[in-house]
Amino acid sequence: MNKLVPDQITAIAKGKFLAYEDVRQSGLTNMWDSRAVCMLAEMQGNKLTEDDVLDIIKNYNFYAEKYLSEDKG
């Protein structure tokens, strides 16, 4: 498996990742249903594109470590 290094990952803004995480934590949809994820994020006042969702899924561990650890520290 070809692991991406951080320089190769598109930088998703923290707000977009946290919007995705809010939808994920809600348990309201399958996170692979990018249209539903975008719709639910928008209902919460956040803007996500399908490309954002797919990028976050692909690089979830990187973003979680980067953004969720900021909130703990």
PDB file of N, CA and C in Angstrom:
ATOM      1  N   MET A   1       0.840  -1.182   0.000  1.00  0.00           N
ATOM      2  CA  MET A   1       0.000   0.000   0.000  1.00  0.00           C
ATOM      3  C   MET A   1       0.878   1.236   0.000  1.00  0.00           C
ATOM      4  N   ASN A   2       0.545   2.182  -0.846  1.00  0.00           N
ATOM      5  CA  ASN A   2       1.312   3.409  -0.979  1.00  0.00           C
ATOM      6  C   ASN A   2       0.801   4.438   0.017  1.00  0.00           C
ATOM      7  N   LYS A   3       1.542   4.646   1.092  1.00  0.00           N
ATOM      8  CA  LYS A   3       1.112   5.564   2.147  1.00  0.00           C
ATOM      9  C   LYS A   3       1.496   6.994   1.771  1.00  0.00           C
ATOM     10  N   LEU A   4       0.551   7.914   1.908  1.00  0.00           N
ATOM     11  CA  LEU A   4       0.814   9.303   1.597  1.00  0.00           C
ATOM     12  C   LEU A   4       1.562   9.980   2.735  1.00  0.00           C
ATOM     13  N   VAL A   5       2.483  10.836   2.368  1.00  0.00           N
ATOM     14  CA  VAL A   5       3.127  11.666   3.373  1.00  0.00           C
ATOM     15  C   VAL A   5       2.348  12.966   3.454  1.00  0.00           C
ATOM     16  N   PRO A   6       2.407  13.667   4.593  1.00  0.00           N
ATOM     17  CA  PRO A   6       1.587  14.865   4.773  1.00  0.00           C
ATOM     18  C   PRO A   6       1.670  15.883   3.640  1.00  0.00           C
ATOM     19  N   ASP A   7       2.834  16.072   3.009  1.00  0.00           N
ATOM     20  CA  ASP A   7       2.959  17.045   1.928  1.00  0.00           C
ATOM     21  C   ASP A   7       2.108  16.684   0.714  1.00  0.00           C
ATOM     22  N   GLN A   8       1.729  15.416   0.573  1.00  0.00           N
ATOM     23  CA  GLN A   8       0.944  14.975  -0.568  1.00  0.00           C
ATOM     24  C   GLN A   8      -0.559  15.053  -0.305  1.00  0.00           C
ATOM     25  N   ILE A   9      -0.946  15.355   0.918  1.00  0.00           N
ATOM     26  CA  ILE A   9      -2.360  15.395   1.275  1.00  0.00           C
ATOM     27  C   ILE A   9      -2.881  16.812   1.107  1.00  0.00           C
ATOM     28  N   THR A  10      -3.993  16.949   0.411  1.00  0.00           N
ATOM     29  CA  THR A  10      -4.636  18.243   0.260  1.00  0.00           C
ATOM     30  C   THR A  10      -5.043  18.730   1.638  1.00  0.00           C
ATOM     31  N   ALA A  11      -4.780  19.976   1.905  1.00  0.00           N
ATOM     32  CA  ALA A  11      -5.093  20.521   3.225  1.00  0.00           C
ATOM     33  C   ALA A  11      -6.577  20.857   3.342  1.00  0.00           C
ATOM     34  N   ILE A  12      -7.302  20.043   4.057  1.00  0.00           N
ATOM     35  CA  ILE A  12      -8.697  20.320   4.370  1.00  0.00           C
ATOM     36  C   ILE A  12      -8.692  21.220   5.605  1.00  0.00           C
ATOM     37  N   ALA A  13      -9.461  22.281   5.553  1.00  0.00           N
ATOM     38  CA  ALA A  13      -9.532  23.200   6.690  1.00  0.00           C
ATOM     39  C   ALA A  13     -10.099  22.478   7.912  1.00  0.00           C
ATOM     40  N   LYS A  14      -9.656  22.917   9.068  1.00  0.00           N
ATOM     41  CA  LYS A  14     -10.099  22.314  10.318  1.00  0.00           C
ATOM     42  C   LYS A  14     -11.625  22.344  10.428  1.00  0.00           C
ATOM     43  N   GLY A  15     -12.247  23.445  10.042  1.00  0.00           N
ATOM     44  CA  GLY A  15     -13.698  23.566  10.119  1.00  0.00           C
ATOM     45  C   GLY A  15     -14.415  22.526   9.285  1.00  0.00           C
ATOM     46  N   LYS A  16     -13.876  22.216   8.111  1.00  0.00           N
ATOM     47  CA  LYS A  16     -14.488  21.198   7.253  1.00  0.00           C
ATOM     48  C   LYS A  16     -14.347  19.819   7.874  1.00  0.00           C
ATOM     49  N   PHE A  17     -13.172  19.537   8.434  1.00  0.00           N
ATOM     50  CA  PHE A  17     -12.993  18.241   9.074  1.00  0.00           C
ATOM     51  C   PHE A  17     -13.933  18.105  10.262  1.00  0.00           C
ATOM     52  N   LEU A  18     -14.052  19.155  11.066  1.00  0.00           N
ATOM     53  CA  LEU A  18     -14.925  19.092  12.242  1.00  0.00           C
ATOM     54  C   LEU A  18     -16.391  18.983  11.831  1.00  0.00           C
ATOM     55  N   ALA A  19     -16.770  19.590  10.712  1.00  0.00           N
ATOM     56  CA  ALA A  19     -18.139  19.427  10.196  1.00  0.00           C
ATOM     57  C   ALA A  19     -18.378  17.971   9.818  1.00  0.00           C
ATOM     58  N   TYR A  20     -17.409  17.350   9.150  1.00  0.00           N
ATOM     59  CA  TYR A  20     -17.484  15.931   8.791  1.00  0.00           C
ATOM     60  C   TYR A  20     -17.600  15.089  10.070  1.00  0.00           C
ATOM     61  N   GLU A  21     -16.771  15.411  11.043  1.00  0.00           N
ATOM     62  CA  GLU A  21     -16.745  14.655  12.293  1.00  0.00           C
ATOM     63  C   GLU A  21     -18.080  14.776  13.033  1.00  0.00           C
ATOM     64  N   ASP A  22     -18.704  15.951  12.991  1.00  0.00           N
ATOM     65  CA  ASP A  22     -20.022  16.122  13.612  1.00  0.00           C
ATOM     66  C   ASP A  22     -21.048  15.192  12.973  1.00  0.00           C
ATOM     67  N   VAL A  23     -21.018  15.103  11.645  1.00  0.00           N
ATOM     68  CA  VAL A  23     -21.944  14.210  10.940  1.00  0.00           C
ATOM     69  C   VAL A  23     -21.631  12.758  11.305  1.00  0.00           C
ATOM     70  N   ARG A  24     -20.349  12.405  11.330  1.00  0.00           N
ATOM     71  CA  ARG A  24     -19.948  11.034  11.662  1.00  0.00           C
ATOM     72  C   ARG A  24     -20.428  10.657  13.058  1.00  0.00           C
ATOM     73  N   GLN A  25     -20.205  11.550  14.012  1.00  0.00           N
ATOM     74  CA  GLN A  25     -20.594  11.285  15.393  1.00  0.00           C
ATOM     75  C   GLN A  25     -22.112  11.196  15.559  1.00  0.00           C
ATOM     76  N   SER A  26     -22.861  11.864  14.678  1.00  0.00           N
ATOM     77  CA  SER A  26     -24.327  11.830  14.777  1.00  0.00           C
ATOM     78  C   SER A  26     -24.883  10.447  14.459  1.00  0.00           C
ATOM     79  N   GLY A  27     -24.177   9.682  13.628  1.00  0.00           N
ATOM     80  CA  GLY A  27     -24.626   8.347  13.254  1.00  0.00           C
ATOM     81  C   GLY A  27     -25.837   8.346  12.319  1.00  0.00           C
ATOM     82  N   LEU A  28     -26.131   9.471  11.696  1.00  0.00           N
ATOM     83  CA  LEU A  28     -27.332   9.585  10.868  1.00  0.00           C
ATOM     84  C   LEU A  28     -27.197   9.004   9.461  1.00  0.00           C
ATOM     85  N   THR A  29     -25.979   8.761   9.009  1.00  0.00           N
ATOM     86  CA  THR A  29     -25.808   8.255   7.642  1.00  0.00           C
ATOM     87  C   THR A  29     -24.544   7.417   7.531  1.00  0.00           C
ATOM     88  N   ASN A  30     -24.504   6.629   6.485  1.00  0.00           N
ATOM     89  CA  ASN A  30     -23.288   5.918   6.103  1.00  0.00           C
ATOM     90  C   ASN A  30     -22.333   6.977   5.560  1.00  0.00           C
ATOM     91  N   MET A  31     -21.143   7.062   6.097  1.00  0.00           N
ATOM     92  CA  MET A  31     -20.220   8.125   5.714  1.00  0.00           C
ATOM     93  C   MET A  31     -19.715   7.992   4.277  1.00  0.00           C
ATOM     94  N   TRP A  32     -19.910   6.836   3.650  1.00  0.00           N
ATOM     95  CA  TRP A  32     -19.556   6.679   2.237  1.00  0.00           C
ATOM     96  C   TRP A  32     -20.601   7.322   1.324  1.00  0.00           C
ATOM     97  N   ASP A  33     -21.752   7.692   1.867  1.00  0.00           N
ATOM     98  CA  ASP A  33     -22.795   8.395   1.103  1.00  0.00           C
ATOM     99  C   ASP A  33     -22.465   9.884   1.153  1.00  0.00           C
ATOM    100  N   SER A  34     -21.551  10.298   0.282  1.00  0.00           N
ATOM    101  CA  SER A  34     -21.020  11.660   0.350  1.00  0.00           C
ATOM    102  C   SER A  34     -22.104  12.722   0.164  1.00  0.00           C
ATOM    103  N   ARG A  35     -23.106  12.446  -0.651  1.00  0.00           N
ATOM    104  CA  ARG A  35     -24.188  13.430  -0.829  1.00  0.00           C
ATOM    105  C   ARG A  35     -24.950  13.639   0.473  1.00  0.00           C
ATOM    106  N   ALA A  36     -25.237  12.550   1.167  1.00  0.00           N
ATOM    107  CA  ALA A  36     -25.951  12.663   2.450  1.00  0.00           C
ATOM    108  C   ALA A  36     -25.088  13.374   3.486  1.00  0.00           C
ATOM    109  N   VAL A  37     -23.798  13.092   3.497  1.00  0.00           N
ATOM    110  CA  VAL A  37     -22.891  13.757   4.432  1.00  0.00           C
ATOM    111  C   VAL A  37     -22.893  15.266   4.164  1.00  0.00           C
ATOM    112  N   CYS A  38     -22.825  15.653   2.889  1.00  0.00           N
ATOM    113  CA  CYS A  38     -22.846  17.072   2.526  1.00  0.00           C
ATOM    114  C   CYS A  38     -24.160  17.723   2.953  1.00  0.00           C
ATOM    115  N   MET A  39     -25.263  17.033   2.732  1.00  0.00           N
ATOM    116  CA  MET A  39     -26.572  17.566   3.086  1.00  0.00           C
ATOM    117  C   MET A  39     -26.690  17.754   4.607  1.00  0.00           C
ATOM    118  N   LEU A  40     -26.266  16.755   5.363  1.00  0.00           N
ATOM    119  CA  LEU A  40     -26.337  16.848   6.823  1.00  0.00           C
ATOM    120  C   LEU A  40     -25.416  17.946   7.358  1.00  0.00           C
ATOM    121  N   ALA A  41     -24.245  18.084   6.768  1.00  0.00           N
ATOM    122  CA  ALA A  41     -23.331  19.156   7.180  1.00  0.00           C
ATOM    123  C   ALA A  41     -23.967  20.515   6.896  1.00  0.00           C
ATOM    124  N   GLU A  42     -24.600  20.645   5.742  1.00  0.00           N
ATOM    125  CA  GLU A  42     -25.250  21.904   5.386  1.00  0.00           C
ATOM    126  C   GLU A  42     -26.399  22.217   6.344  1.00  0.00           C
ATOM    127  N   MET A  43     -27.133  21.205   6.758  1.00  0.00           N
ATOM    128  CA  MET A  43     -28.215  21.409   7.722  1.00  0.00           C
ATOM    129  C   MET A  43     -27.679  21.925   9.056  1.00  0.00           C
ATOM    130  N   GLN A  44     -26.413  21.635   9.330  1.00  0.00           N
ATOM    131  CA  GLN A  44     -25.763  22.117  10.559  1.00  0.00           C
ATOM    132  C   GLN A  44     -25.047  23.448  10.327  1.00  0.00           C
ATOM    133  N   GLY A  45     -25.216  24.008   9.110  1.00  0.00           N
ATOM    134  CA  GLY A  45     -24.618  25.305   8.800  1.00  0.00           C
ATOM    135  C   GLY A  45     -23.203  25.238   8.275  1.00  0.00           C
ATOM    136  N   ASN A  46     -22.784  24.075   7.794  1.00  0.00           N
ATOM    137  CA  ASN A  46     -21.427  23.889   7.268  1.00  0.00           C
ATOM    138  C   ASN A  46     -21.467  23.516   5.802  1.00  0.00           C
ATOM    139  N   LYS A  47     -20.422  23.869   5.073  1.00  0.00           N
ATOM    140  CA  LYS A  47     -20.355  23.571   3.645  1.00  0.00           C
ATOM    141  C   LYS A  47     -19.264  22.537   3.395  1.00  0.00           C
ATOM    142  N   LEU A  48     -19.680  21.380   2.893  1.00  0.00           N
ATOM    143  CA  LEU A  48     -18.739  20.338   2.464  1.00  0.00           C
ATOM    144  C   LEU A  48     -19.086  19.959   1.035  1.00  0.00           C
ATOM    145  N   THR A  49     -18.059  19.690   0.235  1.00  0.00           N
ATOM    146  CA  THR A  49     -18.291  19.165  -1.109  1.00  0.00           C
ATOM    147  C   THR A  49     -18.063  17.658  -1.079  1.00  0.00           C
ATOM    148  N   GLU A  50     -18.531  16.981  -2.118  1.00  0.00           N
ATOM    149  CA  GLU A  50     -18.285  15.534  -2.196  1.00  0.00           C
ATOM    150  C   GLU A  50     -16.795  15.253  -2.245  1.00  0.00           C
ATOM    151  N   ASP A  51     -16.023  16.108  -2.911  1.00  0.00           N
ATOM    152  CA  ASP A  51     -14.567  15.924  -2.945  1.00  0.00           C
ATOM    153  C   ASP A  51     -13.959  16.068  -1.549  1.00  0.00           C
ATOM    154  N   ASP A  52     -14.479  17.024  -0.754  1.00  0.00           N
ATOM    155  CA  ASP A  52     -14.012  17.168   0.633  1.00  0.00           C
ATOM    156  C   ASP A  52     -14.239  15.874   1.406  1.00  0.00           C
ATOM    157  N   VAL A  53     -15.450  15.332   1.281  1.00  0.00           N
ATOM    158  CA  VAL A  53     -15.808  14.113   2.013  1.00  0.00           C
ATOM    159  C   VAL A  53     -14.888  12.961   1.620  1.00  0.00           C
ATOM    160  N   LEU A  54     -14.675  12.773   0.332  1.00  0.00           N
ATOM    161  CA  LEU A  54     -13.816  11.678  -0.128  1.00  0.00           C
ATOM    162  C   LEU A  54     -12.374  11.869   0.323  1.00  0.00           C
ATOM    163  N   ASP A  55     -11.900  13.113   0.313  1.00  0.00           N
ATOM    164  CA  ASP A  55     -10.542  13.388   0.776  1.00  0.00           C
ATOM    165  C   ASP A  55     -10.417  13.083   2.271  1.00  0.00           C
ATOM    166  N   ILE A  56     -11.415  13.471   3.047  1.00  0.00           N
ATOM    167  CA  ILE A  56     -11.380  13.204   4.484  1.00  0.00           C
ATOM    168  C   ILE A  56     -11.421  11.704   4.759  1.00  0.00           C
ATOM    169  N   ILE A  57     -12.265  10.975   4.024  1.00  0.00           N
ATOM    170  CA  ILE A  57     -12.320   9.520   4.201  1.00  0.00           C
ATOM    171  C   ILE A  57     -10.953   8.903   3.902  1.00  0.00           C
ATOM    172  N   LYS A  58     -10.372   9.306   2.802  1.00  0.00           N
ATOM    173  CA  LYS A  58      -9.092   8.748   2.353  1.00  0.00           C
ATOM    174  C   LYS A  58      -7.968   9.043   3.350  1.00  0.00           C
ATOM    175  N   ASN A  59      -8.023  10.212   3.969  1.00  0.00           N
ATOM    176  CA  ASN A  59      -6.931  10.665   4.841  1.00  0.00           C
ATOM    177  C   ASN A  59      -7.399  10.908   6.280  1.00  0.00           C
ATOM    178  N   TYR A  60      -8.432  10.168   6.694  1.00  0.00           N
ATOM    179  CA  TYR A  60      -9.062  10.420   7.985  1.00  0.00           C
ATOM    180  C   TYR A  60      -8.054  10.402   9.136  1.00  0.00           C
ATOM    181  N   ASN A  61      -7.204   9.418   9.199  1.00  0.00           N
ATOM    182  CA  ASN A  61      -6.263   9.310  10.319  1.00  0.00           C
ATOM    183  C   ASN A  61      -5.341  10.522  10.407  1.00  0.00           C
ATOM    184  N   PHE A  62      -4.883  11.004   9.263  1.00  0.00           N
ATOM    185  CA  PHE A  62      -4.022  12.190   9.232  1.00  0.00           C
ATOM    186  C   PHE A  62      -4.756  13.400   9.808  1.00  0.00           C
ATOM    187  N   TYR A  63      -5.982  13.645   9.304  1.00  0.00           N
ATOM    188  CA  TYR A  63      -6.745  14.808   9.769  1.00  0.00           C
ATOM    189  C   TYR A  63      -7.147  14.667  11.237  1.00  0.00           C
ATOM    190  N   ALA A  64      -7.535  13.483  11.649  1.00  0.00           N
ATOM    191  CA  ALA A  64      -7.933  13.268  13.046  1.00  0.00           C
ATOM    192  C   ALA A  64      -6.760  13.565  13.973  1.00  0.00           C
ATOM    193  N   GLU A  65      -5.594  13.069  13.608  1.00  0.00           N
ATOM    194  CA  GLU A  65      -4.411  13.312  14.433  1.00  0.00           C
ATOM    195  C   GLU A  65      -4.081  14.805  14.460  1.00  0.00           C
ATOM    196  N   LYS A  66      -4.208  15.450  13.326  1.00  0.00           N
ATOM    197  CA  LYS A  66      -3.867  16.872  13.229  1.00  0.00           C
ATOM    198  C   LYS A  66      -4.876  17.763  13.960  1.00  0.00           C
ATOM    199  N   TYR A  67      -6.164  17.543  13.729  1.00  0.00           N
ATOM    200  CA  TYR A  67      -7.184  18.459  14.235  1.00  0.00           C
ATOM    201  C   TYR A  67      -7.786  18.049  15.582  1.00  0.00           C
ATOM    202  N   LEU A  68      -7.987  16.779  15.807  1.00  0.00           N
ATOM    203  CA  LEU A  68      -8.588  16.355  17.070  1.00  0.00           C
ATOM    204  C   LEU A  68      -7.586  16.453  18.214  1.00  0.00           C
ATOM    205  N   SER A  69      -6.310  16.227  17.924  1.00  0.00           N
ATOM    206  CA  SER A  69      -5.298  16.338  18.960  1.00  0.00           C
ATOM    207  C   SER A  69      -5.079  17.806  19.355  1.00  0.00           C
ATOM    208  N   GLU A  70      -5.342  18.764  18.433  1.00  0.00           N
ATOM    209  CA  GLU A  70      -5.249  20.186  18.768  1.00  0.00           C
ATOM    210  C   GLU A  70      -6.229  20.552  19.866  1.00  0.00           C
ATOM    211  N   ASP A  71      -7.443  19.970  19.773  1.00  0.00           N
ATOM    212  CA  ASP A  71      -8.479  20.275  20.742  1.00  0.00           C
ATOM    213  C   ASP A  71      -8.161  19.709  22.126  1.00  0.00           C
ATOM    214  N   LYS A  72      -7.386  18.618  22.170  1.00  0.00           N
ATOM    215  CA  LYS A  72      -7.037  17.991  23.451  1.00  0.00           C
ATOM    216  C   LYS A  72      -5.861  18.672  24.117  1.00  0.00           C
ATOM    217  N   GLY A  73      -4.977  19.267  23.297  1.00  0.00           N
ATOM    218  CA  GLY A  73      -3.739  19.824  23.836  1.00  0.00           C
ATOM    219  C   GLY A  73      -3.876  21.241  24.146  1.00  0.00           C
TER     220      GLY A  73
END
